[in-house]
N, C-alpha and C. Protein backbone atom coordinates (compact mmCIF):
# COMPACT_ATOMS: atom_id res chain seq x y z
N MET A 1 136.39 104.62 112.90
CA MET A 1 135.12 104.30 113.55
C MET A 1 135.39 103.91 115.00
N ASN A 2 134.52 104.35 115.89
CA ASN A 2 134.64 104.06 117.31
C ASN A 2 134.06 102.68 117.59
N LEU A 3 134.92 101.68 117.73
CA LEU A 3 134.45 100.31 117.93
C LEU A 3 133.80 100.10 119.29
N ILE A 4 134.17 100.91 120.28
CA ILE A 4 133.53 100.81 121.60
C ILE A 4 132.04 101.15 121.46
N GLY A 5 131.74 102.22 120.74
CA GLY A 5 130.35 102.62 120.52
C GLY A 5 129.58 101.57 119.73
N VAL A 6 130.23 100.98 118.74
CA VAL A 6 129.59 99.93 117.94
C VAL A 6 129.31 98.72 118.82
N LEU A 7 130.28 98.33 119.64
CA LEU A 7 130.10 97.19 120.54
C LEU A 7 128.95 97.44 121.50
N GLU A 8 128.89 98.64 122.08
CA GLU A 8 127.81 98.99 122.99
C GLU A 8 126.46 98.89 122.27
N GLY A 9 126.41 99.40 121.05
CA GLY A 9 125.17 99.36 120.27
C GLY A 9 124.72 97.95 119.95
N ILE A 10 125.64 97.09 119.54
CA ILE A 10 125.23 95.72 119.19
C ILE A 10 124.82 94.93 120.42
N LEU A 11 125.47 95.19 121.56
CA LEU A 11 125.05 94.52 122.80
C LEU A 11 123.65 94.98 123.21
N PHE A 12 123.35 96.25 122.98
CA PHE A 12 122.01 96.78 123.27
C PHE A 12 120.98 96.14 122.35
N VAL A 13 121.29 96.04 121.07
CA VAL A 13 120.34 95.51 120.07
C VAL A 13 120.02 94.04 120.33
N VAL A 14 121.01 93.22 120.68
CA VAL A 14 120.74 91.79 120.88
C VAL A 14 120.05 91.51 122.20
N GLY A 15 120.07 92.46 123.13
CA GLY A 15 119.34 92.32 124.39
C GLY A 15 119.74 91.11 125.20
N ASP A 16 118.73 90.39 125.69
CA ASP A 16 119.00 89.28 126.61
C ASP A 16 119.61 88.06 125.95
N GLU A 17 119.71 88.05 124.65
CA GLU A 17 120.38 86.94 123.96
C GLU A 17 121.89 87.01 124.16
N GLY A 18 122.41 88.25 124.19
CA GLY A 18 123.85 88.44 124.36
C GLY A 18 124.64 88.00 123.15
N LEU A 19 125.95 88.19 123.22
CA LEU A 19 126.86 87.81 122.14
C LEU A 19 128.05 87.04 122.71
N THR A 20 128.47 86.01 122.01
CA THR A 20 129.68 85.30 122.40
C THR A 20 130.88 86.10 121.90
N LEU A 21 132.04 85.76 122.42
CA LEU A 21 133.27 86.43 122.00
C LEU A 21 133.50 86.22 120.50
N ASN A 22 133.21 85.02 120.01
CA ASN A 22 133.37 84.74 118.57
C ASN A 22 132.43 85.59 117.73
N GLN A 23 131.21 85.78 118.18
CA GLN A 23 130.25 86.61 117.44
C GLN A 23 130.73 88.06 117.39
N ILE A 24 131.25 88.55 118.51
CA ILE A 24 131.77 89.91 118.54
C ILE A 24 132.92 90.06 117.54
N CYS A 25 133.80 89.09 117.51
CA CYS A 25 134.93 89.11 116.56
C CYS A 25 134.43 89.12 115.12
N ASP A 26 133.44 88.28 114.82
CA ASP A 26 132.91 88.20 113.46
C ASP A 26 132.21 89.50 113.05
N ILE A 27 131.39 90.04 113.93
CA ILE A 27 130.63 91.24 113.60
C ILE A 27 131.54 92.45 113.42
N LEU A 28 132.49 92.60 114.34
CA LEU A 28 133.38 93.77 114.28
C LEU A 28 134.60 93.54 113.39
N ASP A 29 134.76 92.30 112.91
CA ASP A 29 135.89 91.93 112.05
C ASP A 29 137.22 92.24 112.75
N ILE A 30 137.34 91.71 113.99
CA ILE A 30 138.55 91.90 114.79
C ILE A 30 138.97 90.56 115.38
N ASP A 31 140.20 90.51 115.94
CA ASP A 31 140.67 89.27 116.56
C ASP A 31 140.22 89.21 118.02
N MET A 32 140.45 88.07 118.65
CA MET A 32 140.00 87.84 120.04
C MET A 32 140.59 88.85 121.01
N GLU A 33 141.88 89.13 120.87
CA GLU A 33 142.53 90.06 121.79
C GLU A 33 141.91 91.45 121.72
N LYS A 34 141.63 91.92 120.51
CA LYS A 34 141.01 93.23 120.34
C LYS A 34 139.59 93.23 120.93
N ALA A 35 138.86 92.12 120.74
CA ALA A 35 137.50 92.01 121.28
C ALA A 35 137.54 92.07 122.81
N LYS A 36 138.47 91.35 123.41
CA LYS A 36 138.61 91.35 124.87
C LYS A 36 138.97 92.75 125.37
N GLU A 37 139.86 93.42 124.65
CA GLU A 37 140.28 94.77 125.01
C GLU A 37 139.09 95.74 124.98
N LEU A 38 138.27 95.66 123.93
CA LEU A 38 137.10 96.52 123.81
C LEU A 38 136.08 96.24 124.93
N LEU A 39 135.86 94.96 125.21
CA LEU A 39 134.93 94.58 126.28
C LEU A 39 135.40 95.12 127.63
N MET A 40 136.70 94.99 127.91
CA MET A 40 137.25 95.47 129.18
C MET A 40 137.13 96.99 129.28
N GLU A 41 137.38 97.69 128.19
CA GLU A 41 137.28 99.15 128.20
C GLU A 41 135.83 99.59 128.43
N LEU A 42 134.89 98.94 127.76
CA LEU A 42 133.48 99.26 127.95
C LEU A 42 133.04 98.91 129.36
N LYS A 43 133.49 97.75 129.85
CA LYS A 43 133.15 97.32 131.22
C LYS A 43 133.66 98.35 132.23
N LYS A 44 134.88 98.83 132.04
CA LYS A 44 135.46 99.82 132.96
C LYS A 44 134.62 101.09 132.99
N SER A 45 134.13 101.54 131.84
CA SER A 45 133.31 102.76 131.82
C SER A 45 131.96 102.53 132.51
N TYR A 46 131.43 101.31 132.43
CA TYR A 46 130.16 100.99 133.10
C TYR A 46 130.32 100.81 134.61
N ASP A 47 131.53 100.51 135.06
CA ASP A 47 131.76 100.29 136.49
C ASP A 47 131.66 101.58 137.30
N ALA A 48 131.64 102.72 136.66
CA ALA A 48 131.54 104.00 137.37
C ALA A 48 130.20 104.08 138.11
N ASP A 49 130.20 104.77 139.26
CA ASP A 49 128.99 104.89 140.08
C ASP A 49 127.85 105.60 139.37
N ASN A 50 128.15 106.46 138.40
CA ASN A 50 127.10 107.22 137.73
C ASN A 50 126.49 106.47 136.54
N ARG A 51 126.77 105.20 136.40
CA ARG A 51 126.21 104.39 135.31
C ARG A 51 125.21 103.40 135.87
N GLY A 52 124.15 103.11 135.12
CA GLY A 52 123.09 102.22 135.60
C GLY A 52 123.13 100.82 135.01
N ILE A 53 124.01 100.60 134.04
CA ILE A 53 124.11 99.26 133.44
C ILE A 53 125.54 98.77 133.54
N ARG A 54 125.71 97.51 133.25
CA ARG A 54 127.03 96.89 133.27
C ARG A 54 127.07 95.79 132.23
N ILE A 55 128.25 95.27 131.98
CA ILE A 55 128.40 94.12 131.09
C ILE A 55 128.53 92.89 131.96
N SER A 56 127.71 91.89 131.68
CA SER A 56 127.76 90.63 132.42
C SER A 56 128.09 89.51 131.45
N TYR A 57 128.78 88.50 131.97
CA TYR A 57 129.07 87.30 131.19
C TYR A 57 128.20 86.20 131.75
N LEU A 58 127.12 85.88 131.03
CA LEU A 58 126.15 84.90 131.49
C LEU A 58 125.85 83.90 130.38
N GLY A 59 125.90 82.63 130.70
CA GLY A 59 125.54 81.60 129.72
C GLY A 59 126.37 81.66 128.46
N ASP A 60 127.68 81.87 128.58
CA ASP A 60 128.60 81.90 127.45
C ASP A 60 128.40 83.11 126.54
N ALA A 61 127.76 84.17 127.06
CA ALA A 61 127.53 85.36 126.24
C ALA A 61 127.69 86.62 127.08
N PHE A 62 128.13 87.69 126.42
CA PHE A 62 128.23 88.99 127.06
C PHE A 62 126.91 89.72 126.83
N LYS A 63 126.39 90.33 127.93
CA LYS A 63 125.09 90.99 127.86
C LYS A 63 125.14 92.29 128.64
N LEU A 64 124.30 93.25 128.25
CA LEU A 64 124.10 94.44 129.05
C LEU A 64 123.04 94.12 130.09
N THR A 65 123.35 94.36 131.35
CA THR A 65 122.40 94.11 132.43
C THR A 65 122.37 95.31 133.37
N THR A 66 121.35 95.37 134.20
CA THR A 66 121.26 96.45 135.18
C THR A 66 122.14 96.11 136.38
N LYS A 67 122.49 97.12 137.14
CA LYS A 67 123.30 96.92 138.34
C LYS A 67 122.43 96.44 139.49
N LYS A 68 122.91 95.43 140.19
CA LYS A 68 122.15 94.84 141.30
C LYS A 68 121.89 95.84 142.41
N GLU A 69 122.80 96.77 142.61
CA GLU A 69 122.63 97.73 143.70
C GLU A 69 121.48 98.70 143.47
N HIS A 70 120.90 98.71 142.27
CA HIS A 70 119.75 99.57 141.97
C HIS A 70 118.43 98.80 142.00
N LYS A 71 118.49 97.58 142.45
CA LYS A 71 117.34 96.66 142.41
C LYS A 71 116.08 97.25 143.05
N GLU A 72 116.20 97.94 144.17
CA GLU A 72 115.01 98.46 144.85
C GLU A 72 114.25 99.46 143.98
N TYR A 73 114.95 100.20 143.13
CA TYR A 73 114.29 101.17 142.25
C TYR A 73 113.57 100.46 141.10
N TYR A 74 114.17 99.39 140.61
CA TYR A 74 113.53 98.63 139.54
C TYR A 74 112.24 98.00 140.06
N LYS A 75 112.26 97.53 141.31
CA LYS A 75 111.06 96.95 141.91
C LYS A 75 109.95 97.98 142.00
N LYS A 76 110.30 99.20 142.41
CA LYS A 76 109.31 100.27 142.51
C LYS A 76 108.69 100.56 141.15
N LEU A 77 109.51 100.55 140.13
CA LEU A 77 109.03 100.80 138.77
C LEU A 77 108.00 99.76 138.36
N ILE A 78 108.29 98.52 138.63
CA ILE A 78 107.42 97.42 138.23
C ILE A 78 106.15 97.38 139.08
N GLU A 79 106.31 97.65 140.39
CA GLU A 79 105.17 97.54 141.30
C GLU A 79 104.26 98.75 141.29
N ASN A 80 104.68 99.86 140.72
CA ASN A 80 103.88 101.08 140.68
C ASN A 80 102.64 100.85 139.81
N PRO A 81 101.43 101.04 140.37
CA PRO A 81 100.20 100.79 139.60
C PRO A 81 100.10 101.63 138.33
N GLU A 82 100.66 102.83 138.34
CA GLU A 82 100.61 103.69 137.15
C GLU A 82 101.40 103.09 136.00
N ASN A 83 102.38 102.25 136.32
CA ASN A 83 103.20 101.63 135.28
C ASN A 83 102.68 100.26 134.87
N ASN A 84 101.56 99.83 135.44
CA ASN A 84 101.07 98.48 135.17
C ASN A 84 100.08 98.40 134.01
N THR A 85 99.84 99.51 133.33
CA THR A 85 98.99 99.43 132.15
C THR A 85 99.81 98.85 131.00
N LEU A 86 99.15 98.14 130.13
CA LEU A 86 99.86 97.50 129.02
C LEU A 86 99.61 98.29 127.74
N SER A 87 100.69 98.53 127.00
CA SER A 87 100.59 99.23 125.73
C SER A 87 100.01 98.30 124.67
N GLN A 88 99.68 98.87 123.53
CA GLN A 88 99.18 98.07 122.41
C GLN A 88 100.22 97.04 122.00
N ALA A 89 101.50 97.45 121.96
CA ALA A 89 102.58 96.53 121.58
C ALA A 89 102.69 95.39 122.58
N ALA A 90 102.53 95.70 123.87
CA ALA A 90 102.60 94.65 124.90
C ALA A 90 101.44 93.67 124.74
N LEU A 91 100.25 94.20 124.47
CA LEU A 91 99.08 93.33 124.27
C LEU A 91 99.24 92.44 123.05
N GLU A 92 99.77 93.00 121.96
CA GLU A 92 100.00 92.20 120.75
C GLU A 92 101.00 91.09 121.02
N THR A 93 102.08 91.44 121.70
CA THR A 93 103.12 90.44 122.02
C THR A 93 102.55 89.36 122.92
N LEU A 94 101.79 89.75 123.94
CA LEU A 94 101.17 88.77 124.84
C LEU A 94 100.20 87.85 124.09
N ALA A 95 99.43 88.40 123.18
CA ALA A 95 98.48 87.58 122.41
C ALA A 95 99.23 86.55 121.57
N ILE A 96 100.31 86.98 120.93
CA ILE A 96 101.10 86.05 120.11
C ILE A 96 101.65 84.93 120.97
N ILE A 97 102.18 85.28 122.15
CA ILE A 97 102.73 84.26 123.04
C ILE A 97 101.62 83.34 123.55
N ALA A 98 100.51 83.92 123.99
CA ALA A 98 99.42 83.12 124.56
C ALA A 98 98.87 82.09 123.57
N TYR A 99 98.71 82.50 122.31
CA TYR A 99 98.12 81.60 121.32
C TYR A 99 99.12 80.65 120.66
N ASN A 100 100.42 80.91 120.83
CA ASN A 100 101.42 80.09 120.14
C ASN A 100 102.47 79.50 121.07
N GLN A 101 102.24 79.54 122.37
CA GLN A 101 103.26 79.11 123.32
C GLN A 101 103.52 77.62 123.27
N PRO A 102 104.74 77.22 123.54
CA PRO A 102 105.95 78.03 123.71
C PRO A 102 106.44 78.54 122.36
N ILE A 103 107.04 79.73 122.37
CA ILE A 103 107.44 80.40 121.13
C ILE A 103 108.75 81.15 121.36
N THR A 104 109.57 81.25 120.31
CA THR A 104 110.84 81.96 120.42
C THR A 104 110.66 83.44 120.10
N ARG A 105 111.64 84.24 120.49
CA ARG A 105 111.60 85.68 120.20
C ARG A 105 111.58 85.93 118.71
N VAL A 106 112.36 85.17 117.96
CA VAL A 106 112.42 85.36 116.51
C VAL A 106 111.06 85.09 115.88
N GLU A 107 110.35 84.07 116.33
CA GLU A 107 109.01 83.79 115.81
C GLU A 107 108.05 84.93 116.14
N ILE A 108 108.18 85.49 117.34
CA ILE A 108 107.34 86.62 117.73
C ILE A 108 107.66 87.81 116.83
N ASP A 109 108.97 88.07 116.62
CA ASP A 109 109.40 89.17 115.76
C ASP A 109 108.82 89.03 114.36
N GLU A 110 108.83 87.81 113.82
CA GLU A 110 108.30 87.57 112.47
C GLU A 110 106.80 87.86 112.41
N MET A 111 106.08 87.48 113.44
CA MET A 111 104.63 87.70 113.44
C MET A 111 104.28 89.18 113.59
N ARG A 112 105.03 89.89 114.44
CA ARG A 112 104.74 91.31 114.67
C ARG A 112 105.40 92.20 113.64
N GLY A 113 106.49 91.72 113.03
CA GLY A 113 107.19 92.53 112.03
C GLY A 113 108.15 93.54 112.63
N VAL A 114 108.40 93.45 113.93
CA VAL A 114 109.34 94.34 114.61
C VAL A 114 110.09 93.54 115.68
N SER A 115 111.21 94.09 116.13
CA SER A 115 111.98 93.46 117.20
C SER A 115 111.22 93.60 118.52
N ASN A 116 111.22 92.55 119.31
CA ASN A 116 110.48 92.52 120.57
C ASN A 116 111.37 92.30 121.78
N VAL A 117 112.67 92.54 121.64
CA VAL A 117 113.61 92.30 122.73
C VAL A 117 113.19 93.07 123.98
N HIS A 118 112.95 94.36 123.84
CA HIS A 118 112.63 95.18 125.01
C HIS A 118 111.24 94.84 125.55
N MET A 119 110.31 94.54 124.68
CA MET A 119 108.97 94.20 125.12
C MET A 119 109.00 92.91 125.94
N LEU A 120 109.78 91.93 125.50
CA LEU A 120 109.88 90.67 126.24
C LEU A 120 110.48 90.92 127.62
N ARG A 121 111.48 91.79 127.70
CA ARG A 121 112.08 92.14 129.00
C ARG A 121 111.02 92.72 129.93
N LYS A 122 110.21 93.64 129.41
CA LYS A 122 109.18 94.28 130.23
C LYS A 122 108.15 93.25 130.70
N LEU A 123 107.72 92.38 129.80
CA LEU A 123 106.71 91.38 130.15
C LEU A 123 107.28 90.36 131.14
N LEU A 124 108.56 90.02 130.99
CA LEU A 124 109.22 89.14 131.96
C LEU A 124 109.29 89.82 133.33
N ALA A 125 109.67 91.10 133.33
CA ALA A 125 109.78 91.84 134.59
C ALA A 125 108.43 91.97 135.28
N LYS A 126 107.35 92.10 134.52
CA LYS A 126 106.01 92.20 135.09
C LYS A 126 105.48 90.83 135.51
N GLY A 127 106.17 89.76 135.12
CA GLY A 127 105.75 88.42 135.50
C GLY A 127 104.63 87.86 134.65
N LEU A 128 104.34 88.48 133.51
CA LEU A 128 103.25 88.01 132.65
C LEU A 128 103.69 86.88 131.72
N ILE A 129 104.99 86.80 131.46
CA ILE A 129 105.55 85.69 130.67
C ILE A 129 106.76 85.14 131.41
N LYS A 130 107.21 83.97 130.96
CA LYS A 130 108.38 83.34 131.56
C LYS A 130 109.17 82.62 130.48
N GLU A 131 110.43 82.35 130.77
CA GLU A 131 111.21 81.50 129.88
C GLU A 131 110.78 80.07 130.16
N ALA A 132 110.40 79.37 129.10
CA ALA A 132 109.83 78.03 129.24
C ALA A 132 110.73 76.98 128.63
N GLY A 133 112.03 77.18 128.72
CA GLY A 133 112.98 76.21 128.18
C GLY A 133 113.70 76.74 126.96
N LYS A 134 114.35 75.82 126.26
CA LYS A 134 115.12 76.15 125.07
C LYS A 134 114.54 75.42 123.86
N SER A 135 114.55 76.09 122.73
CA SER A 135 114.08 75.49 121.48
C SER A 135 115.13 74.53 120.95
N THR A 136 114.71 73.64 120.07
CA THR A 136 115.66 72.74 119.41
C THR A 136 116.23 73.36 118.14
N LEU A 137 115.80 74.58 117.83
CA LEU A 137 116.30 75.29 116.65
C LEU A 137 117.78 75.61 116.83
N PRO A 138 118.50 75.86 115.74
CA PRO A 138 119.92 76.21 115.86
C PRO A 138 120.10 77.42 116.78
N GLY A 139 121.10 77.34 117.64
CA GLY A 139 121.36 78.40 118.60
C GLY A 139 120.59 78.22 119.89
N ARG A 140 119.65 77.26 119.90
CA ARG A 140 118.83 76.95 121.07
C ARG A 140 118.26 78.19 121.75
N PRO A 141 117.44 78.97 121.00
CA PRO A 141 116.87 80.19 121.59
C PRO A 141 115.87 79.87 122.70
N ASN A 142 115.66 80.85 123.57
CA ASN A 142 114.70 80.72 124.66
C ASN A 142 113.29 80.58 124.11
N LEU A 143 112.48 79.79 124.81
CA LEU A 143 111.07 79.68 124.52
C LEU A 143 110.30 80.48 125.57
N TYR A 144 109.26 81.17 125.15
CA TYR A 144 108.47 81.98 126.07
C TYR A 144 107.05 81.46 126.16
N ALA A 145 106.48 81.56 127.36
CA ALA A 145 105.11 81.14 127.61
C ALA A 145 104.50 82.10 128.64
N THR A 146 103.19 82.07 128.74
CA THR A 146 102.52 82.93 129.71
C THR A 146 102.60 82.30 131.11
N THR A 147 102.32 83.12 132.12
CA THR A 147 102.39 82.67 133.52
C THR A 147 101.00 82.69 134.15
N SER A 148 100.93 82.24 135.39
CA SER A 148 99.66 82.31 136.11
C SER A 148 99.28 83.78 136.38
N GLU A 149 100.28 84.67 136.49
CA GLU A 149 100.00 86.10 136.64
C GLU A 149 99.28 86.63 135.40
N PHE A 150 99.64 86.12 134.23
CA PHE A 150 98.95 86.49 132.98
C PHE A 150 97.46 86.12 133.09
N LEU A 151 97.21 84.90 133.54
CA LEU A 151 95.82 84.44 133.68
C LEU A 151 95.08 85.33 134.67
N ASP A 152 95.72 85.64 135.81
CA ASP A 152 95.09 86.51 136.81
C ASP A 152 94.80 87.89 136.24
N TYR A 153 95.76 88.46 135.53
CA TYR A 153 95.63 89.81 134.98
C TYR A 153 94.41 89.92 134.06
N PHE A 154 94.19 88.86 133.26
CA PHE A 154 93.09 88.88 132.30
C PHE A 154 91.84 88.14 132.80
N GLY A 155 91.87 87.67 134.04
CA GLY A 155 90.70 87.02 134.62
C GLY A 155 90.37 85.69 133.98
N LEU A 156 91.38 84.92 133.62
CA LEU A 156 91.19 83.62 132.99
C LEU A 156 91.53 82.52 133.97
N SER A 157 90.83 81.39 133.89
CA SER A 157 91.19 80.27 134.76
C SER A 157 92.24 79.37 134.11
N SER A 158 92.28 79.36 132.78
CA SER A 158 93.30 78.61 132.05
C SER A 158 93.44 79.19 130.65
N ILE A 159 94.48 78.78 129.96
CA ILE A 159 94.71 79.25 128.59
C ILE A 159 93.56 78.85 127.67
N SER A 160 92.92 77.75 127.97
CA SER A 160 91.79 77.30 127.12
C SER A 160 90.61 78.28 127.17
N ASP A 161 90.61 79.21 128.14
CA ASP A 161 89.55 80.21 128.23
C ASP A 161 89.76 81.37 127.27
N LEU A 162 90.90 81.41 126.57
CA LEU A 162 91.13 82.47 125.60
C LEU A 162 90.09 82.38 124.49
N PRO A 163 89.64 83.52 123.97
CA PRO A 163 88.68 83.48 122.86
C PRO A 163 89.26 82.78 121.64
N THR A 164 88.41 82.11 120.88
CA THR A 164 88.85 81.44 119.66
C THR A 164 89.05 82.48 118.57
N ILE A 165 90.15 82.33 117.86
CA ILE A 165 90.44 83.24 116.75
C ILE A 165 90.12 82.53 115.45
N ILE A 166 89.31 83.17 114.62
CA ILE A 166 88.98 82.59 113.31
C ILE A 166 89.93 83.21 112.30
N SER A 167 90.75 82.37 111.69
CA SER A 167 91.69 82.88 110.70
C SER A 167 90.98 83.08 109.37
N GLU A 168 91.62 83.81 108.47
CA GLU A 168 91.03 84.10 107.17
C GLU A 168 90.73 82.82 106.39
N SER A 169 91.55 81.79 106.58
CA SER A 169 91.35 80.54 105.85
C SER A 169 90.16 79.76 106.40
N GLU A 170 89.65 80.14 107.60
CA GLU A 170 88.53 79.45 108.20
C GLU A 170 87.23 80.24 108.08
N GLU A 171 87.17 81.21 107.17
CA GLU A 171 85.96 82.01 107.02
C GLU A 171 84.82 81.13 106.55
N PRO A 172 83.60 81.52 106.84
CA PRO A 172 82.44 80.71 106.43
C PRO A 172 82.40 80.49 104.92
N ASN A 173 81.75 79.38 104.53
CA ASN A 173 81.67 79.02 103.12
C ASN A 173 80.75 79.93 102.32
N GLU A 174 80.05 80.84 102.99
CA GLU A 174 79.13 81.73 102.28
C GLU A 174 79.87 82.53 101.21
N ASP A 175 81.10 82.93 101.48
CA ASP A 175 81.85 83.68 100.49
C ASP A 175 82.09 82.85 99.24
N LYS A 176 82.40 81.57 99.42
CA LYS A 176 82.63 80.70 98.27
C LYS A 176 81.33 80.52 97.48
N ASP A 177 80.23 80.32 98.20
CA ASP A 177 78.94 80.15 97.53
C ASP A 177 78.57 81.42 96.77
N LEU A 178 78.84 82.57 97.36
CA LEU A 178 78.56 83.84 96.72
C LEU A 178 79.37 83.96 95.43
N PHE A 179 80.64 83.61 95.50
CA PHE A 179 81.49 83.66 94.32
C PHE A 179 80.96 82.71 93.24
N THR A 180 80.61 81.50 93.64
CA THR A 180 80.13 80.50 92.69
C THR A 180 78.83 80.98 92.04
N SER A 181 77.92 81.54 92.84
CA SER A 181 76.65 81.99 92.27
C SER A 181 76.88 83.17 91.32
N ILE A 182 77.78 84.07 91.63
CA ILE A 182 78.09 85.19 90.73
C ILE A 182 78.69 84.64 89.44
N TYR A 183 79.56 83.65 89.58
CA TYR A 183 80.21 83.07 88.41
C TYR A 183 79.15 82.45 87.49
N LYS A 184 78.17 81.75 88.08
CA LYS A 184 77.14 81.11 87.27
C LYS A 184 76.27 82.17 86.57
N GLU A 185 75.96 83.25 87.27
CA GLU A 185 75.15 84.30 86.67
C GLU A 185 75.86 84.90 85.45
N GLU A 186 77.18 85.08 85.58
CA GLU A 186 77.92 85.63 84.45
C GLU A 186 77.87 84.67 83.27
N GLU A 187 77.96 83.37 83.54
CA GLU A 187 77.88 82.38 82.48
C GLU A 187 76.52 82.48 81.79
N ASN A 188 75.46 82.59 82.58
CA ASN A 188 74.11 82.66 82.05
C ASN A 188 73.92 83.92 81.22
N ASP A 189 74.54 85.04 81.62
CA ASP A 189 74.39 86.29 80.88
C ASP A 189 74.98 86.17 79.48
N GLU A 190 76.01 85.36 79.32
CA GLU A 190 76.66 85.25 78.02
C GLU A 190 75.83 84.42 77.04
N LYS A 191 74.89 83.60 77.50
CA LYS A 191 74.12 82.71 76.62
C LYS A 191 73.09 83.43 75.85
């Protein structure tokens, strides 16, 4: 098995969370020296001019990041009005964050039922969400919250202007009364 390809894949999957050297060793079932060797080999291949990403060591973790020298193109991508429309997935993710902030990526993933690593990156890049600190949960994951740009985008003056969501458990009592009245009618029919 090509461990370089596996390493590249797992770094891509974990996204901005990154992996520590110990995690890489555990996942690939290799020792520290082999992990360092694989990281250096992958890093060397990314250092080529024809590659757009690189491996960075940030916050005690190895992560795939974009190259700084391409920054002007990334800005154009984000600032282009044609790219500023939000997909259904982006709107769902934003709604979850807006109504539950601050919230971790894992909590968002659980609510949506899919991984949101890339969606969070896009929303961060557009300035609609921000990292709002660290959770007290094990691993101290990032907490996400909406920004003032989010409020501007949706024409809100504050988060309290968001529409109220009625959950299924808060449905009107008419359903209960309807059930009770049907139940009584059935009792009467048996007499």
